[in-house]
Each structure stands twice: as structure tokens, then as C-alpha cells.
Amino acid sequence: MSKAATQVPFETTLFVHDTCLCLHMQRAARALARRFDEAFRPLGVTSGQYSMLMATNQPEPPTIGAIASILSMDRTTITAALKPLERRRLVTVMVDAGDRRSRRVKLTPAGRALLARAVPIWRRTHAEIDRLLPEADAGRLRRDLEALT
């Protein structure tokens, strides 16, 4: 095999850097997560934990599978991510009465109280981010991202 066939030109690296949607999405996702992590720090939760608590905030306790679907994560990742929330007594995980193989997740009073304190922080932080977008077209960005999922 020739040396040219085993090397990628630097111009290709620059092209990928400038055009790769996956790279740009990952960078944006990490930047957004850091911003929300910092905003939620006084409450002792991360942006991921906030999303988990919000996904659990339903009229009936959702199954782990339903939460996984909402967050586009696998069940084992959800199960592991719930452990710190359980230890803090923000959620309880219980056997589903209708299907003993399934688990449901319920917000505790402490979890509901923390979520109520977090929502104004989320609103404020989200408004700051929306203002950073060109022409404040956050709705279009959300629609475009939804099209990818």
C-alpha cells in the first residue's frame, strides 16, 4: 500500500472541521451542557440530571423505558443515571404493578421541590442562549434538530 493511501491530507482535516455536522453538534452540545451545569450548580444537579428529573415529571410515574425514549438513551444508562438521584432521595424506583419486569420512576417531594427551584434557572439560562442565536431563530434550530432525530 502506498504512503499516499495511508495518509489523510491536512486539507481534508480542515474540510471535516469546517463542515462536519456531527462535530459541530457535539461541540455545541458540550458547550450548552457546561452552561446549564454551571447554572444548576447551586442546586447540586447537572444538566443531565435536570433532564432526567424533568422526564420523570409526569402525571403517572413513567417506566425507565419511557424515560429512555424521551431522552434518546438506553435503559441501562438511565438506570445508572438514576442512582445518584435515588441516593439524594429525589426519585424512587419501584416495580411496575402491571408488569413486574418493568420499573417506574417517581419524583419524591424533595425531587419536585428541587425541580420547581430549577425551572426558573432553566428559563433564565435558556433565554440567554436564545439571545445568542443569529436573528433569535431558536425555533428554527429546534425544528432542524428535531428533523435529525
Protein backbone atom coordinates (compact mmCIF):
# COMPACT_ATOMS: atom_id res chain seq x y z
CA MET A 1 0.00 0.00 0.00
CA SER A 2 1.39 3.39 -0.94
CA LYS A 3 2.13 6.10 1.61
CA ALA A 4 -0.43 8.39 -0.06
CA ALA A 5 -3.17 5.78 0.52
CA THR A 6 -2.44 5.66 4.26
CA GLN A 7 -2.36 9.40 4.95
CA VAL A 8 -5.17 11.89 5.04
CA PRO A 9 -4.18 15.34 3.74
CA PHE A 10 -4.40 18.22 6.21
CA GLU A 11 -6.81 19.94 3.81
CA THR A 12 -9.23 17.08 4.46
CA THR A 13 -8.89 17.65 8.20
CA LEU A 14 -9.73 21.31 7.70
CA PHE A 15 -12.67 20.42 5.47
CA VAL A 16 -14.08 17.99 8.05
CA HIS A 17 -13.53 20.53 10.83
CA ASP A 18 -15.45 23.17 8.89
CA THR A 19 -18.30 21.03 7.56
CA CYS A 20 -18.93 18.03 9.85
CA LEU A 21 -22.39 18.32 11.37
CA CYS A 22 -21.59 15.66 13.97
CA LEU A 23 -18.54 17.58 15.19
CA HIS A 24 -20.44 20.88 15.33
CA MET A 25 -23.37 19.26 17.16
CA GLN A 26 -21.06 17.61 19.69
CA ARG A 27 -19.21 20.86 20.35
CA ALA A 28 -22.47 22.80 20.72
CA ALA A 29 -23.96 20.11 22.97
CA ARG A 30 -20.93 20.17 25.26
CA ALA A 31 -20.97 23.98 25.41
CA LEU A 32 -24.68 24.03 26.23
CA ALA A 33 -24.29 21.31 28.85
CA ARG A 34 -21.43 23.24 30.51
CA ARG A 35 -23.56 26.40 30.58
CA PHE A 36 -26.53 24.61 32.17
CA ASP A 37 -24.27 22.62 34.53
CA GLU A 38 -22.90 25.91 35.83
CA ALA A 39 -26.38 27.40 36.17
CA PHE A 40 -27.67 24.35 38.11
CA ARG A 41 -24.53 24.04 40.28
CA PRO A 42 -26.13 25.85 43.27
CA LEU A 43 -28.81 23.13 43.30
CA GLY A 44 -26.25 20.33 43.17
CA VAL A 45 -27.52 18.84 39.90
CA THR A 46 -26.14 18.62 36.40
CA SER A 47 -27.97 19.46 33.19
CA GLY A 48 -28.36 15.72 32.57
CA GLN A 49 -29.89 15.18 36.00
CA TYR A 50 -32.24 18.11 35.41
CA SER A 51 -33.35 16.49 32.14
CA MET A 52 -33.85 13.19 33.95
CA LEU A 53 -35.97 14.84 36.66
CA MET A 54 -37.98 16.71 34.03
CA ALA A 55 -38.58 13.49 32.06
CA THR A 56 -39.83 11.89 35.28
CA ASN A 57 -42.25 14.76 35.96
CA GLN A 58 -45.37 13.14 34.52
CA PRO A 59 -48.92 12.59 35.83
CA GLU A 60 -48.14 8.89 36.29
CA PRO A 61 -44.67 7.61 37.13
CA PRO A 62 -43.04 6.73 33.78
CA THR A 63 -41.22 3.49 33.09
CA ILE A 64 -37.48 3.51 32.67
CA GLY A 65 -38.12 2.62 29.03
CA ALA A 66 -40.33 5.69 28.58
CA ILE A 67 -37.66 7.93 30.11
CA ALA A 68 -35.06 6.32 27.84
CA SER A 69 -37.23 7.11 24.84
CA ILE A 70 -37.77 10.74 25.89
CA LEU A 71 -34.03 11.30 26.43
CA SER A 72 -32.86 9.11 23.50
CA MET A 73 -30.74 7.00 25.83
CA ASP A 74 -30.64 3.26 26.51
CA ARG A 75 -32.28 1.76 29.59
CA THR A 76 -29.03 0.70 31.24
CA THR A 77 -27.70 4.27 31.02
CA ILE A 78 -30.95 5.59 32.54
CA THR A 79 -30.77 3.02 35.33
CA ALA A 80 -27.20 4.07 36.17
CA ALA A 81 -28.03 7.79 35.93
CA LEU A 82 -30.94 7.37 38.35
CA LYS A 83 -28.69 6.01 41.14
CA PRO A 84 -27.38 9.40 42.35
CA LEU A 85 -30.91 10.83 42.21
CA GLU A 86 -32.14 7.89 44.28
CA ARG A 87 -29.32 8.35 46.81
CA ARG A 88 -30.35 12.00 47.19
CA ARG A 89 -33.96 10.83 47.59
CA LEU A 90 -35.10 12.91 44.62
CA VAL A 91 -36.68 9.89 42.91
CA THR A 92 -37.83 6.43 43.86
CA VAL A 93 -37.66 3.46 41.51
CA MET A 94 -40.38 0.89 42.02
CA VAL A 95 -41.67 -2.27 40.41
CA ASP A 96 -44.48 -1.66 37.91
CA ALA A 97 -47.65 -3.20 39.35
CA GLY A 98 -48.84 -4.13 35.84
CA ASP A 99 -45.56 -5.69 34.70
CA ARG A 100 -43.25 -6.98 37.42
CA ARG A 101 -40.30 -6.95 34.96
CA SER A 102 -40.63 -3.20 34.46
CA ARG A 103 -39.63 -0.34 36.76
CA ARG A 104 -41.31 3.02 37.19
CA VAL A 105 -39.68 6.22 38.42
CA LYS A 106 -41.46 8.63 40.71
CA LEU A 107 -40.38 12.07 41.82
CA THR A 108 -40.29 12.40 45.59
CA PRO A 109 -41.46 15.58 47.34
CA ALA A 110 -37.78 16.61 47.52
CA GLY A 111 -37.40 15.94 43.80
CA ARG A 112 -40.49 18.00 42.97
CA ALA A 113 -39.20 20.85 45.16
CA LEU A 114 -35.78 20.79 43.53
CA LEU A 115 -37.35 20.74 40.07
CA ALA A 116 -39.53 23.73 41.00
CA ARG A 117 -36.39 25.64 42.05
CA ALA A 118 -34.56 24.59 38.87
CA VAL A 119 -37.20 25.67 36.34
CA PRO A 120 -36.62 29.44 36.80
CA ILE A 121 -32.88 28.85 36.44
CA TRP A 122 -33.54 26.87 33.26
CA ARG A 123 -35.83 29.60 31.88
CA ARG A 124 -33.26 32.34 32.58
CA THR A 125 -30.36 30.35 31.12
CA HIS A 126 -32.40 29.30 28.12
CA ALA A 127 -33.39 32.90 27.40
CA GLU A 128 -29.71 33.89 27.49
CA ILE A 129 -28.88 31.17 24.98
CA ASP A 130 -31.79 32.09 22.70
CA ARG A 131 -30.46 35.66 22.57
CA LEU A 132 -27.09 34.37 21.35
CA LEU A 133 -28.58 32.77 18.25
CA PRO A 134 -28.45 34.71 15.00
CA GLU A 135 -31.70 36.54 14.37
CA ALA A 136 -33.02 34.89 17.54
CA ASP A 137 -34.37 31.99 15.47
CA ALA A 138 -34.24 29.35 18.18
CA GLY A 139 -37.50 27.85 16.88
CA ARG A 140 -35.93 27.03 13.52
CA LEU A 141 -32.91 25.47 15.21
CA ARG A 142 -35.19 23.28 17.35
CA ARG A 143 -37.15 22.19 14.26
CA ASP A 144 -33.94 21.41 12.38
CA LEU A 145 -32.56 19.39 15.29
CA GLU A 146 -35.86 17.54 15.66
CA ALA A 147 -35.68 16.61 11.97
CA LEU A 148 -32.39 14.83 12.69
CA THR A 149 -33.90 12.71 15.44
